[in-house]
Amino acid sequence: MKKLRFPRIVSDYQNKEKIILRDFLALERTTLANERTLFAYIRTSLYLILGGIGLIQLKDFENIKWIGYFALALSFFLIVFGLFRFYKLRKKLRKFYNEKDLDRIEEMGENIKNESDVSKLKKN
């Protein structure tokens, strides 16, 4: 069976230029934000697990036990959704990284560091 796909209005971005330091740092910030978002999904999922277990354990409130089970199911959904989004964005970000570009940026960083050392010596 053929998979049904919706037409894309905007095509995928293709990087045709060499990556510069500013762009590399922006990609790093985006990667860190992606990790931070994954941790937020995990944290929320753990809180829902704790709340769900707590509601299930209450003896006097048998009529709201379903909320505890719902919280457990929702926590499972959140962790799966968070992992899915994390890996999807990570795959998109990896398209922009090239080994040659990373080596060139490291060299640029060393040159900038050496230039700043020279400028400090000139000030003294």
PDB file of N, CA and C in Angstrom:
ATOM      1  N   MET A   1       0.840  -1.178   0.000  1.00  0.00           N
ATOM      2  CA  MET A   1       0.000   0.000   0.000  1.00  0.00           C
ATOM      3  C   MET A   1       0.883   1.238   0.000  1.00  0.00           C
ATOM      4  N   LYS A   2       0.561   2.177  -0.848  1.00  0.00           N
ATOM      5  CA  LYS A   2       1.351   3.385  -0.976  1.00  0.00           C
ATOM      6  C   LYS A   2       0.993   4.365   0.140  1.00  0.00           C
ATOM      7  N   LYS A   3       2.009   4.992   0.711  1.00  0.00           N
ATOM      8  CA  LYS A   3       1.814   5.927   1.808  1.00  0.00           C
ATOM      9  C   LYS A   3       1.294   7.260   1.271  1.00  0.00           C
ATOM     10  N   LEU A   4       0.249   7.773   1.875  1.00  0.00           N
ATOM     11  CA  LEU A   4      -0.343   9.039   1.468  1.00  0.00           C
ATOM     12  C   LEU A   4       0.455  10.186   2.066  1.00  0.00           C
ATOM     13  N   ARG A   5       0.890  11.101   1.224  1.00  0.00           N
ATOM     14  CA  ARG A   5       1.663  12.249   1.690  1.00  0.00           C
ATOM     15  C   ARG A   5       0.978  13.519   1.242  1.00  0.00           C
ATOM     16  N   PHE A   6       1.012  14.505   2.139  1.00  0.00           N
ATOM     17  CA  PHE A   6       0.456  15.799   1.798  1.00  0.00           C
ATOM     18  C   PHE A   6       1.498  16.609   1.041  1.00  0.00           C
ATOM     19  N   PRO A   7       1.067  17.397   0.069  1.00  0.00           N
ATOM     20  CA  PRO A   7       2.055  18.200  -0.667  1.00  0.00           C
ATOM     21  C   PRO A   7       2.651  19.278   0.229  1.00  0.00           C
ATOM     22  N   ARG A   8       3.927  19.557   0.014  1.00  0.00           N
ATOM     23  CA  ARG A   8       4.613  20.578   0.795  1.00  0.00           C
ATOM     24  C   ARG A   8       4.463  21.925   0.109  1.00  0.00           C
ATOM     25  N   ILE A   9       4.157  22.934   0.902  1.00  0.00           N
ATOM     26  CA  ILE A   9       4.047  24.283   0.364  1.00  0.00           C
ATOM     27  C   ILE A   9       5.440  24.866   0.179  1.00  0.00           C
ATOM     28  N   VAL A  10       6.307  24.629   1.162  1.00  0.00           N
ATOM     29  CA  VAL A  10       7.676  25.130   1.124  1.00  0.00           C
ATOM     30  C   VAL A  10       8.605  23.923   1.085  1.00  0.00           C
ATOM     31  N   SER A  11       9.549  23.942   0.174  1.00  0.00           N
ATOM     32  CA  SER A  11      10.482  22.824   0.087  1.00  0.00           C
ATOM     33  C   SER A  11      11.477  22.862   1.244  1.00  0.00           C
ATOM     34  N   ASP A  12      12.127  21.735   1.485  1.00  0.00           N
ATOM     35  CA  ASP A  12      13.133  21.663   2.537  1.00  0.00           C
ATOM     36  C   ASP A  12      14.301  22.581   2.209  1.00  0.00           C
ATOM     37  N   TYR A  13      14.852  23.195   3.226  1.00  0.00           N
ATOM     38  CA  TYR A  13      15.977  24.103   3.053  1.00  0.00           C
ATOM     39  C   TYR A  13      17.233  23.297   2.757  1.00  0.00           C
ATOM     40  N   GLN A  14      17.949  23.696   1.746  1.00  0.00           N
ATOM     41  CA  GLN A  14      19.216  23.064   1.400  1.00  0.00           C
ATOM     42  C   GLN A  14      20.333  24.076   1.609  1.00  0.00           C
ATOM     43  N   ASN A  15      21.300  23.747   2.454  1.00  0.00           N
ATOM     44  CA  ASN A  15      22.419  24.632   2.718  1.00  0.00           C
ATOM     45  C   ASN A  15      23.437  24.484   1.600  1.00  0.00           C
ATOM     46  N   LYS A  16      23.676  25.592   0.857  1.00  0.00           N
ATOM     47  CA  LYS A  16      24.597  25.541  -0.264  1.00  0.00           C
ATOM     48  C   LYS A  16      25.878  26.321   0.003  1.00  0.00           C
ATOM     49  N   GLU A  17      25.950  26.996   1.123  1.00  0.00           N
ATOM     50  CA  GLU A  17      27.128  27.785   1.454  1.00  0.00           C
ATOM     51  C   GLU A  17      27.880  27.121   2.597  1.00  0.00           C
ATOM     52  N   LYS A  18      29.144  27.541   2.749  1.00  0.00           N
ATOM     53  CA  LYS A  18      29.902  27.050   3.895  1.00  0.00           C
ATOM     54  C   LYS A  18      29.351  27.695   5.154  1.00  0.00           C
ATOM     55  N   ILE A  19      29.360  26.926   6.208  1.00  0.00           N
ATOM     56  CA  ILE A  19      28.838  27.420   7.474  1.00  0.00           C
ATOM     57  C   ILE A  19      29.882  28.331   8.128  1.00  0.00           C
ATOM     58  N   ILE A  20      29.421  29.450   8.677  1.00  0.00           N
ATOM     59  CA  ILE A  20      30.330  30.376   9.348  1.00  0.00           C
ATOM     60  C   ILE A  20      30.148  30.239  10.841  1.00  0.00           C
ATOM     61  N   LEU A  21      31.021  30.884  11.596  1.00  0.00           N
ATOM     62  CA  LEU A  21      31.029  30.732  13.042  1.00  0.00           C
ATOM     63  C   LEU A  21      29.689  31.131  13.661  1.00  0.00           C
ATOM     64  N   ARG A  22      29.123  32.239  13.207  1.00  0.00           N
ATOM     65  CA  ARG A  22      27.852  32.705  13.758  1.00  0.00           C
ATOM     66  C   ARG A  22      26.753  31.663  13.560  1.00  0.00           C
ATOM     67  N   ASP A  23      26.712  31.066  12.376  1.00  0.00           N
ATOM     68  CA  ASP A  23      25.705  30.045  12.090  1.00  0.00           C
ATOM     69  C   ASP A  23      25.957  28.783  12.902  1.00  0.00           C
ATOM     70  N   PHE A  24      27.219  28.440  13.049  1.00  0.00           N
ATOM     71  CA  PHE A  24      27.559  27.267  13.860  1.00  0.00           C
ATOM     72  C   PHE A  24      27.096  27.454  15.308  1.00  0.00           C
ATOM     73  N   LEU A  25      27.321  28.646  15.856  1.00  0.00           N
ATOM     74  CA  LEU A  25      26.899  28.912  17.225  1.00  0.00           C
ATOM     75  C   LEU A  25      25.374  28.910  17.344  1.00  0.00           C
ATOM     76  N   ALA A  26      24.687  29.382  16.312  1.00  0.00           N
ATOM     77  CA  ALA A  26      23.222  29.331  16.319  1.00  0.00           C
ATOM     78  C   ALA A  26      22.734  27.885  16.315  1.00  0.00           C
ATOM     79  N   LEU A  27      23.410  27.030  15.551  1.00  0.00           N
ATOM     80  CA  LEU A  27      23.050  25.612  15.553  1.00  0.00           C
ATOM     81  C   LEU A  27      23.314  24.981  16.916  1.00  0.00           C
ATOM     82  N   GLU A  28      24.390  25.389  17.561  1.00  0.00           N
ATOM     83  CA  GLU A  28      24.681  24.873  18.896  1.00  0.00           C
ATOM     84  C   GLU A  28      23.601  25.299  19.892  1.00  0.00           C
ATOM     85  N   ARG A  29      23.177  26.570  19.822  1.00  0.00           N
ATOM     86  CA  ARG A  29      22.103  27.039  20.710  1.00  0.00           C
ATOM     87  C   ARG A  29      20.808  26.269  20.461  1.00  0.00           C
ATOM     88  N   THR A  30      20.520  26.001  19.202  1.00  0.00           N
ATOM     89  CA  THR A  30      19.312  25.248  18.871  1.00  0.00           C
ATOM     90  C   THR A  30      19.409  23.820  19.382  1.00  0.00           C
ATOM     91  N   THR A  31      20.586  23.225  19.283  1.00  0.00           N
ATOM     92  CA  THR A  31      20.783  21.872  19.804  1.00  0.00           C
ATOM     93  C   THR A  31      20.576  21.836  21.314  1.00  0.00           C
ATOM     94  N   LEU A  32      21.123  22.817  22.015  1.00  0.00           N
ATOM     95  CA  LEU A  32      20.947  22.876  23.461  1.00  0.00           C
ATOM     96  C   LEU A  32      19.488  23.119  23.837  1.00  0.00           C
ATOM     97  N   ALA A  33      18.798  23.955  23.078  1.00  0.00           N
ATOM     98  CA  ALA A  33      17.373  24.191  23.335  1.00  0.00           C
ATOM     99  C   ALA A  33      16.573  22.917  23.095  1.00  0.00           C
ATOM    100  N   ASN A  34      16.959  22.140  22.096  1.00  0.00           N
ATOM    101  CA  ASN A  34      16.291  20.871  21.818  1.00  0.00           C
ATOM    102  C   ASN A  34      16.465  19.905  22.992  1.00  0.00           C
ATOM    103  N   GLU A  35      17.670  19.831  23.539  1.00  0.00           N
ATOM    104  CA  GLU A  35      17.914  18.974  24.703  1.00  0.00           C
ATOM    105  C   GLU A  35      17.122  19.458  25.917  1.00  0.00           C
ATOM    106  N   ARG A  36      17.087  20.771  26.110  1.00  0.00           N
ATOM    107  CA  ARG A  36      16.344  21.344  27.230  1.00  0.00           C
ATOM    108  C   ARG A  36      14.854  21.010  27.125  1.00  0.00           C
ATOM    109  N   THR A  37      14.326  21.045  25.907  1.00  0.00           N
ATOM    110  CA  THR A  37      12.923  20.717  25.691  1.00  0.00           C
ATOM    111  C   THR A  37      12.674  19.244  25.984  1.00  0.00           C
ATOM    112  N   LEU A  38      13.587  18.375  25.580  1.00  0.00           N
ATOM    113  CA  LEU A  38      13.436  16.951  25.887  1.00  0.00           C
ATOM    114  C   LEU A  38      13.407  16.732  27.395  1.00  0.00           C
ATOM    115  N   PHE A  39      14.296  17.408  28.125  1.00  0.00           N
ATOM    116  CA  PHE A  39      14.299  17.261  29.577  1.00  0.00           C
ATOM    117  C   PHE A  39      13.002  17.780  30.198  1.00  0.00           C
ATOM    118  N   ALA A  40      12.409  18.807  29.612  1.00  0.00           N
ATOM    119  CA  ALA A  40      11.129  19.310  30.112  1.00  0.00           C
ATOM    120  C   ALA A  40      10.028  18.267  29.907  1.00  0.00           C
ATOM    121  N   TYR A  41      10.038  17.591  28.757  1.00  0.00           N
ATOM    122  CA  TYR A  41       9.071  16.516  28.526  1.00  0.00           C
ATOM    123  C   TYR A  41       9.277  15.384  29.530  1.00  0.00           C
ATOM    124  N   ILE A  42      10.512  15.021  29.779  1.00  0.00           N
ATOM    125  CA  ILE A  42      10.798  13.943  30.743  1.00  0.00           C
ATOM    126  C   ILE A  42      10.356  14.347  32.138  1.00  0.00           C
ATOM    127  N   ARG A  43      10.664  15.579  32.531  1.00  0.00           N
ATOM    128  CA  ARG A  43      10.274  16.055  33.862  1.00  0.00           C
ATOM    129  C   ARG A  43       8.752  16.058  34.024  1.00  0.00           C
ATOM    130  N   THR A  44       8.035  16.539  33.016  1.00  0.00           N
ATOM    131  CA  THR A  44       6.581  16.562  33.079  1.00  0.00           C
ATOM    132  C   THR A  44       6.023  15.151  33.148  1.00  0.00           C
ATOM    133  N   SER A  45       6.609  14.257  32.389  1.00  0.00           N
ATOM    134  CA  SER A  45       6.170  12.868  32.400  1.00  0.00           C
ATOM    135  C   SER A  45       6.380  12.230  33.773  1.00  0.00           C
ATOM    136  N   LEU A  46       7.508  12.509  34.393  1.00  0.00           N
ATOM    137  CA  LEU A  46       7.764  11.949  35.728  1.00  0.00           C
ATOM    138  C   LEU A  46       6.787  12.500  36.766  1.00  0.00           C
ATOM    139  N   TYR A  47       6.468  13.797  36.673  1.00  0.00           N
ATOM    140  CA  TYR A  47       5.488  14.373  37.596  1.00  0.00           C
ATOM    141  C   TYR A  47       4.110  13.754  37.396  1.00  0.00           C
ATOM    142  N   LEU A  48       3.747  13.498  36.145  1.00  0.00           N
ATOM    143  CA  LEU A  48       2.458  12.856  35.891  1.00  0.00           C
ATOM    144  C   LEU A  48       2.437  11.423  36.418  1.00  0.00           C
ATOM    145  N   ILE A  49       3.555  10.732  36.321  1.00  0.00           N
ATOM    146  CA  ILE A  49       3.632   9.375  36.876  1.00  0.00           C
ATOM    147  C   ILE A  49       3.433   9.421  38.394  1.00  0.00           C
ATOM    148  N   LEU A  50       4.137  10.357  39.043  1.00  0.00           N
ATOM    149  CA  LEU A  50       3.994  10.469  40.505  1.00  0.00           C
ATOM    150  C   LEU A  50       2.568  10.841  40.902  1.00  0.00           C
ATOM    151  N   GLY A  51       1.982  11.788  40.195  1.00  0.00           N
ATOM    152  CA  GLY A  51       0.606  12.185  40.496  1.00  0.00           C
ATOM    153  C   GLY A  51      -0.377  11.061  40.244  1.00  0.00           C
ATOM    154  N   GLY A  52      -0.179  10.331  39.138  1.00  0.00           N
ATOM    155  CA  GLY A  52      -1.069   9.216  38.826  1.00  0.00           C
ATOM    156  C   GLY A  52      -0.988   8.116  39.867  1.00  0.00           C
ATOM    157  N   ILE A  53       0.233   7.777  40.289  1.00  0.00           N
ATOM    158  CA  ILE A  53       0.389   6.747  41.321  1.00  0.00           C
ATOM    159  C   ILE A  53      -0.235   7.219  42.633  1.00  0.00           C
ATOM    160  N   GLY A  54      -0.046   8.492  42.943  1.00  0.00           N
ATOM    161  CA  GLY A  54      -0.639   9.036  44.168  1.00  0.00           C
ATOM    162  C   GLY A  54      -2.159   8.980  44.150  1.00  0.00           C
ATOM    163  N   LEU A  55      -2.762   9.309  43.010  1.00  0.00           N
ATOM    164  CA  LEU A  55      -4.221   9.258  42.921  1.00  0.00           C
ATOM    165  C   LEU A  55      -4.739   7.823  42.963  1.00  0.00           C
ATOM    166  N   ILE A  56      -4.006   6.900  42.384  1.00  0.00           N
ATOM    167  CA  ILE A  56      -4.431   5.500  42.408  1.00  0.00           C
ATOM    168  C   ILE A  56      -4.349   4.948  43.830  1.00  0.00           C
ATOM    169  N   GLN A  57      -3.385   5.386  44.624  1.00  0.00           N
ATOM    170  CA  GLN A  57      -3.175   4.863  45.972  1.00  0.00           C
ATOM    171  C   GLN A  57      -4.170   5.415  47.004  1.00  0.00           C
ATOM    172  N   LEU A  58      -4.894   6.478  46.677  1.00  0.00           N
ATOM    173  CA  LEU A  58      -5.837   7.047  47.629  1.00  0.00           C
ATOM    174  C   LEU A  58      -6.999   6.081  47.878  1.00  0.00           C
ATOM    175  N   LYS A  59      -7.232   5.740  49.126  1.00  0.00           N
ATOM    176  CA  LYS A  59      -8.273   4.762  49.472  1.00  0.00           C
ATOM    177  C   LYS A  59      -9.667   5.400  49.542  1.00  0.00           C
ATOM    178  N   ASP A  60      -9.740   6.635  49.999  1.00  0.00           N
ATOM    179  CA  ASP A  60     -11.040   7.267  50.208  1.00  0.00           C
ATOM    180  C   ASP A  60     -11.655   7.822  48.928  1.00  0.00           C
ATOM    181  N   PHE A  61     -10.886   7.919  47.866  1.00  0.00           N
ATOM    182  CA  PHE A  61     -11.374   8.523  46.624  1.00  0.00           C
ATOM    183  C   PHE A  61     -11.348   7.509  45.485  1.00  0.00           C
ATOM    184  N   GLU A  62     -12.117   6.447  45.632  1.00  0.00           N
ATOM    185  CA  GLU A  62     -12.153   5.396  44.611  1.00  0.00           C
ATOM    186  C   GLU A  62     -12.785   5.887  43.314  1.00  0.00           C
ATOM    187  N   ASN A  63     -13.673   6.895  43.417  1.00  0.00           N
ATOM    188  CA  ASN A  63     -14.375   7.346  42.213  1.00  0.00           C
ATOM    189  C   ASN A  63     -13.503   8.213  41.289  1.00  0.00           C
ATOM    190  N   ILE A  64     -12.337   8.666  41.739  1.00  0.00           N
ATOM    191  CA  ILE A  64     -11.454   9.449  40.863  1.00  0.00           C
ATOM    192  C   ILE A  64     -10.172   8.689  40.501  1.00  0.00           C
ATOM    193  N   LYS A  65     -10.205   7.394  40.688  1.00  0.00           N
ATOM    194  CA  LYS A  65      -9.046   6.577  40.338  1.00  0.00           C
ATOM    195  C   LYS A  65      -8.726   6.653  38.842  1.00  0.00           C
ATOM    196  N   TRP A  66      -9.750   6.882  38.039  1.00  0.00           N
ATOM    197  CA  TRP A  66      -9.565   6.956  36.594  1.00  0.00           C
ATOM    198  C   TRP A  66      -8.638   8.114  36.215  1.00  0.00           C
ATOM    199  N   ILE A  67      -8.627   9.175  37.017  1.00  0.00           N
ATOM    200  CA  ILE A  67      -7.744  10.304  36.725  1.00  0.00           C
ATOM    201  C   ILE A  67      -6.284   9.868  36.865  1.00  0.00           C
ATOM    202  N   GLY A  68      -6.003   9.019  37.847  1.00  0.00           N
ATOM    203  CA  GLY A  68      -4.650   8.490  38.029  1.00  0.00           C
ATOM    204  C   GLY A  68      -4.205   7.654  36.843  1.00  0.00           C
ATOM    205  N   TYR A  69      -5.109   6.801  36.363  1.00  0.00           N
ATOM    206  CA  TYR A  69      -4.770   5.988  35.192  1.00  0.00           C
ATOM    207  C   TYR A  69      -4.592   6.867  33.949  1.00  0.00           C
ATOM    208  N   PHE A  70      -5.422   7.901  33.839  1.00  0.00           N
ATOM    209  CA  PHE A  70      -5.282   8.829  32.718  1.00  0.00           C
ATOM    210  C   PHE A  70      -3.939   9.554  32.781  1.00  0.00           C
ATOM    211  N   ALA A  71      -3.514   9.951  33.984  1.00  0.00           N
ATOM    212  CA  ALA A  71      -2.224  10.631  34.141  1.00  0.00           C
ATOM    213  C   ALA A  71      -1.075   9.695  33.756  1.00  0.00           C
ATOM    214  N   LEU A  72      -1.175   8.424  34.102  1.00  0.00           N
ATOM    215  CA  LEU A  72      -0.138   7.464  33.712  1.00  0.00           C
ATOM    216  C   LEU A  72      -0.085   7.293  32.194  1.00  0.00           C
ATOM    217  N   ALA A  73      -1.251   7.198  31.563  1.00  0.00           N
ATOM    218  CA  ALA A  73      -1.279   7.066  30.105  1.00  0.00           C
ATOM    219  C   ALA A  73      -0.747   8.334  29.437  1.00  0.00           C
ATOM    220  N   LEU A  74      -1.116   9.486  29.969  1.00  0.00           N
ATOM    221  CA  LEU A  74      -0.650  10.747  29.415  1.00  0.00           C
ATOM    222  C   LEU A  74       0.860  10.895  29.569  1.00  0.00           C
ATOM    223  N   SER A  75       1.396  10.421  30.686  1.00  0.00           N
ATOM    224  CA  SER A  75       2.846  10.504  30.881  1.00  0.00           C
ATOM    225  C   SER A  75       3.583   9.647  29.858  1.00  0.00           C
ATOM    226  N   PHE A  76       3.043   8.467  29.567  1.00  0.00           N
ATOM    227  CA  PHE A  76       3.656   7.620  28.538  1.00  0.00           C
ATOM    228  C   PHE A  76       3.603   8.311  27.184  1.00  0.00           C
ATOM    229  N   PHE A  77       2.457   8.901  26.843  1.00  0.00           N
ATOM    230  CA  PHE A  77       2.319   9.625  25.573  1.00  0.00           C
ATOM    231  C   PHE A  77       3.301  10.784  25.501  1.00  0.00           C
ATOM    232  N   LEU A  78       3.464  11.537  26.591  1.00  0.00           N
ATOM    233  CA  LEU A  78       4.375  12.687  26.588  1.00  0.00           C
ATOM    234  C   LEU A  78       5.828  12.278  26.372  1.00  0.00           C
ATOM    235  N   ILE A  79       6.255  11.209  27.000  1.00  0.00           N
ATOM    236  CA  ILE A  79       7.650  10.794  26.845  1.00  0.00           C
ATOM    237  C   ILE A  79       7.901  10.314  25.412  1.00  0.00           C
ATOM    238  N   VAL A  80       6.951   9.612  24.832  1.00  0.00           N
ATOM    239  CA  VAL A  80       7.104   9.153  23.445  1.00  0.00           C
ATOM    240  C   VAL A  80       7.096  10.347  22.501  1.00  0.00           C
ATOM    241  N   PHE A  81       6.175  11.291  22.714  1.00  0.00           N
ATOM    242  CA  PHE A  81       6.092  12.484  21.872  1.00  0.00           C
ATOM    243  C   PHE A  81       7.354  13.333  21.997  1.00  0.00           C
ATOM    244  N   GLY A  82       7.872  13.492  23.220  1.00  0.00           N
ATOM    245  CA  GLY A  82       9.093  14.264  23.437  1.00  0.00           C
ATOM    246  C   GLY A  82      10.290  13.636  22.749  1.00  0.00           C
ATOM    247  N   LEU A  83      10.430  12.325  22.849  1.00  0.00           N
ATOM    248  CA  LEU A  83      11.538  11.632  22.176  1.00  0.00           C
ATOM    249  C   LEU A  83      11.413  11.728  20.663  1.00  0.00           C
ATOM    250  N   PHE A  84      10.189  11.616  20.158  1.00  0.00           N
ATOM    251  CA  PHE A  84       9.965  11.735  18.722  1.00  0.00           C
ATOM    252  C   PHE A  84      10.387  13.116  18.223  1.00  0.00           C
ATOM    253  N   ARG A  85       9.968  14.167  18.921  1.00  0.00           N
ATOM    254  CA  ARG A  85      10.333  15.530  18.510  1.00  0.00           C
ATOM    255  C   ARG A  85      11.833  15.764  18.617  1.00  0.00           C
ATOM    256  N   PHE A  86      12.449  15.237  19.680  1.00  0.00           N
ATOM    257  CA  PHE A  86      13.887  15.404  19.867  1.00  0.00           C
ATOM    258  C   PHE A  86      14.666  14.811  18.700  1.00  0.00           C
ATOM    259  N   TYR A  87      14.363  13.551  18.360  1.00  0.00           N
ATOM    260  CA  TYR A  87      15.109  12.893  17.296  1.00  0.00           C
ATOM    261  C   TYR A  87      14.797  13.482  15.926  1.00  0.00           C
ATOM    262  N   LYS A  88      13.587  13.962  15.733  1.00  0.00           N
ATOM    263  CA  LYS A  88      13.227  14.583  14.460  1.00  0.00           C
ATOM    264  C   LYS A  88      14.026  15.875  14.245  1.00  0.00           C
ATOM    265  N   LEU A  89      14.095  16.733  15.272  1.00  0.00           N
ATOM    266  CA  LEU A  89      14.853  17.971  15.137  1.00  0.00           C
ATOM    267  C   LEU A  89      16.352  17.696  15.066  1.00  0.00           C
ATOM    268  N   ARG A  90      16.813  16.713  15.808  1.00  0.00           N
ATOM    269  CA  ARG A  90      18.234  16.368  15.765  1.00  0.00           C
ATOM    270  C   ARG A  90      18.648  15.911  14.368  1.00  0.00           C
ATOM    271  N   LYS A  91      17.778  15.154  13.724  1.00  0.00           N
ATOM    272  CA  LYS A  91      18.063  14.703  12.361  1.00  0.00           C
ATOM    273  C   LYS A  91      18.119  15.895  11.405  1.00  0.00           C
ATOM    274  N   LYS A  92      17.226  16.861  11.574  1.00  0.00           N
ATOM    275  CA  LYS A  92      17.237  18.050  10.726  1.00  0.00           C
ATOM    276  C   LYS A  92      18.497  18.871  10.957  1.00  0.00           C
ATOM    277  N   LEU A  93      18.920  19.003  12.205  1.00  0.00           N
ATOM    278  CA  LEU A  93      20.107  19.800  12.510  1.00  0.00           C
ATOM    279  C   LEU A  93      21.382  19.158  11.975  1.00  0.00           C
ATOM    280  N   ARG A  94      21.432  17.854  11.964  1.00  0.00           N
ATOM    281  CA  ARG A  94      22.641  17.166  11.497  1.00  0.00           C
ATOM    282  C   ARG A  94      22.881  17.356  10.012  1.00  0.00           C
ATOM    283  N   LYS A  95      21.842  17.742   9.264  1.00  0.00           N
ATOM    284  CA  LYS A  95      22.035  18.006   7.843  1.00  0.00           C
ATOM    285  C   LYS A  95      22.980  19.184   7.619  1.00  0.00           C
ATOM    286  N   PHE A  96      23.033  20.110   8.576  1.00  0.00           N
ATOM    287  CA  PHE A  96      23.824  21.320   8.410  1.00  0.00           C
ATOM    288  C   PHE A  96      25.280  21.149   8.825  1.00  0.00           C
ATOM    289  N   TYR A  97      25.573  20.109   9.557  1.00  0.00           N
ATOM    290  CA  TYR A  97      26.937  19.889  10.010  1.00  0.00           C
ATOM    291  C   TYR A  97      27.724  19.104   8.974  1.00  0.00           C
ATOM    292  N   ASN A  98      28.859  19.631   8.593  1.00  0.00           N
ATOM    293  CA  ASN A  98      29.809  18.901   7.754  1.00  0.00           C
ATOM    294  C   ASN A  98      31.111  18.826   8.524  1.00  0.00           C
ATOM    295  N   GLU A  99      31.803  17.739   8.365  1.00  0.00           N
ATOM    296  CA  GLU A  99      33.063  17.559   9.098  1.00  0.00           C
ATOM    297  C   GLU A  99      34.081  18.622   8.706  1.00  0.00           C
ATOM    298  N   LYS A 100      34.123  18.971   7.414  1.00  0.00           N
ATOM    299  CA  LYS A 100      35.075  19.992   6.958  1.00  0.00           C
ATOM    300  C   LYS A 100      34.743  21.347   7.577  1.00  0.00           C
ATOM    301  N   ASP A 101      33.465  21.669   7.645  1.00  0.00           N
ATOM    302  CA  ASP A 101      33.067  22.951   8.214  1.00  0.00           C
ATOM    303  C   ASP A 101      33.421  23.027   9.697  1.00  0.00           C
ATOM    304  N   LEU A 102      33.235  21.929  10.420  1.00  0.00           N
ATOM    305  CA  LEU A 102      33.542  21.929  11.849  1.00  0.00           C
ATOM    306  C   LEU A 102      35.039  22.124  12.076  1.00  0.00           C
ATOM    307  N   ASP A 103      35.866  21.473  11.254  1.00  0.00           N
ATOM    308  CA  ASP A 103      37.311  21.651  11.382  1.00  0.00           C
ATOM    309  C   ASP A 103      37.707  23.095  11.100  1.00  0.00           C
ATOM    310  N   ARG A 104      37.103  23.688  10.071  1.00  0.00           N
ATOM    311  CA  ARG A 104      37.422  25.068   9.713  1.00  0.00           C
ATOM    312  C   ARG A 104      37.004  26.031  10.828  1.00  0.00           C
ATOM    313  N   ILE A 105      35.890  25.773  11.465  1.00  0.00           N
ATOM    314  CA  ILE A 105      35.431  26.644  12.547  1.00  0.00           C
ATOM    315  C   ILE A 105      36.342  26.529  13.761  1.00  0.00           C
ATOM    316  N   GLU A 106      36.820  25.322  14.059  1.00  0.00           N
ATOM    317  CA  GLU A 106      37.766  25.166  15.164  1.00  0.00           C
ATOM    318  C   GLU A 106      39.043  25.954  14.902  1.00  0.00           C
ATOM    319  N   GLU A 107      39.509  25.936  13.648  1.00  0.00           N
ATOM    320  CA  GLU A 107      40.696  26.721  13.293  1.00  0.00           C
ATOM    321  C   GLU A 107      40.422  28.210  13.458  1.00  0.00           C
ATOM    322  N   MET A 108      39.233  28.653  13.057  1.00  0.00           N
ATOM    323  CA  MET A 108      38.866  30.064  13.212  1.00  0.00           C
ATOM    324  C   MET A 108      38.852  30.451  14.691  1.00  0.00           C
ATOM    325  N   GLY A 109      38.325  29.554  15.522  1.00  0.00           N
ATOM    326  CA  GLY A 109      38.290  29.829  16.956  1.00  0.00           C
ATOM    327  C   GLY A 109      39.679  29.961  17.542  1.00  0.00           C
ATOM    328  N   GLU A 110      40.598  29.096  17.101  1.00  0.00           N
ATOM    329  CA  GLU A 110      41.985  29.187  17.580  1.00  0.00           C
ATOM    330  C   GLU A 110      42.630  30.488  17.117  1.00  0.00           C
ATOM    331  N   ASN A 111      42.362  30.899  15.877  1.00  0.00           N
ATOM    332  CA  ASN A 111      42.909  32.155  15.366  1.00  0.00           C
ATOM    333  C   ASN A 111      42.368  33.349  16.147  1.00  0.00           C
ATOM    334  N   ILE A 112      41.082  33.315  16.458  1.00  0.00           N
ATOM    335  CA  ILE A 112      40.486  34.407  17.227  1.00  0.00           C
ATOM    336  C   ILE A 112      41.101  34.458  18.618  1.00  0.00           C
ATOM    337  N   LYS A 113      41.315  33.282  19.216  1.00  0.00           N
ATOM    338  CA  LYS A 113      41.917  33.233  20.546  1.00  0.00           C
ATOM    339  C   LYS A 113      43.341  33.794  20.505  1.00  0.00           C
ATOM    340  N   ASN A 114      44.101  33.407  19.491  1.00  0.00           N
ATOM    341  CA  ASN A 114      45.474  33.914  19.361  1.00  0.00           C
ATOM    342  C   ASN A 114      45.485  35.418  19.128  1.00  0.00           C
ATOM    343  N   GLU A 115      44.568  35.931  18.318  1.00  0.00           N
ATOM    344  CA  GLU A 115      44.490  37.368  18.066  1.00  0.00           C
ATOM    345  C   GLU A 115      44.129  38.134  19.329  1.00  0.00           C
ATOM    346  N   SER A 116      43.245  37.558  20.165  1.00  0.00           N
ATOM    347  CA  SER A 116      42.882  38.238  21.410  1.00  0.00           C
ATOM    348  C   SER A 116      44.059  38.233  22.384  1.00  0.00           C
ATOM    349  N   ASP A 117      44.877  37.167  22.358  1.00  0.00           N
ATOM    350  CA  ASP A 117      46.077  37.146  23.200  1.00  0.00           C
ATOM    351  C   ASP A 117      47.054  38.228  22.771  1.00  0.00           C
ATOM    352  N   VAL A 118      47.203  38.418  21.458  1.00  0.00           N
ATOM    353  CA  VAL A 118      48.107  39.440  20.931  1.00  0.00           C
ATOM    354  C   VAL A 118      47.597  40.833  21.314  1.00  0.00           C
ATOM    355  N   SER A 119      46.288  41.046  21.219  1.00  0.00           N
ATOM    356  CA  SER A 119      45.740  42.358  21.566  1.00  0.00           C
ATOM    357  C   SER A 119      45.888  42.645  23.058  1.00  0.00           C
ATOM    358  N   LYS A 120      45.846  41.618  23.909  1.00  0.00           N
ATOM    359  CA  LYS A 120      46.067  41.828  25.341  1.00  0.00           C
ATOM    360  C   LYS A 120      47.500  42.223  25.600  1.00  0.00           C
ATOM    361  N   LEU A 121      48.449  41.614  24.862  1.00  0.00           N
ATOM    362  CA  LEU A 121      49.855  41.947  25.036  1.00  0.00           C
ATOM    363  C   LEU A 121      50.122  43.383  24.592  1.00  0.00           C
ATOM    364  N   LYS A 122      49.457  43.834  23.538  1.00  0.00           N
ATOM    365  CA  LYS A 122      49.638  45.191  23.039  1.00  0.00           C
ATOM    366  C   LYS A 122      49.137  46.217  24.060  1.00  0.00           C
ATOM    367  N   LYS A 123      48.078  45.884  24.790  1.00  0.00           N
ATOM    368  CA  LYS A 123      47.525  46.794  25.783  1.00  0.00           C
ATOM    369  C   LYS A 123      48.491  46.979  26.950  1.00  0.00           C
ATOM    370  N   ASN A 124      49.209  45.932  27.290  1.00  0.00           N
ATOM    371  CA  ASN A 124      50.143  45.984  28.416  1.00  0.00           C
ATOM    372  C   ASN A 124      51.395  46.648  27.976  1.00  0.00           C
TER     373      ASN A 124
END
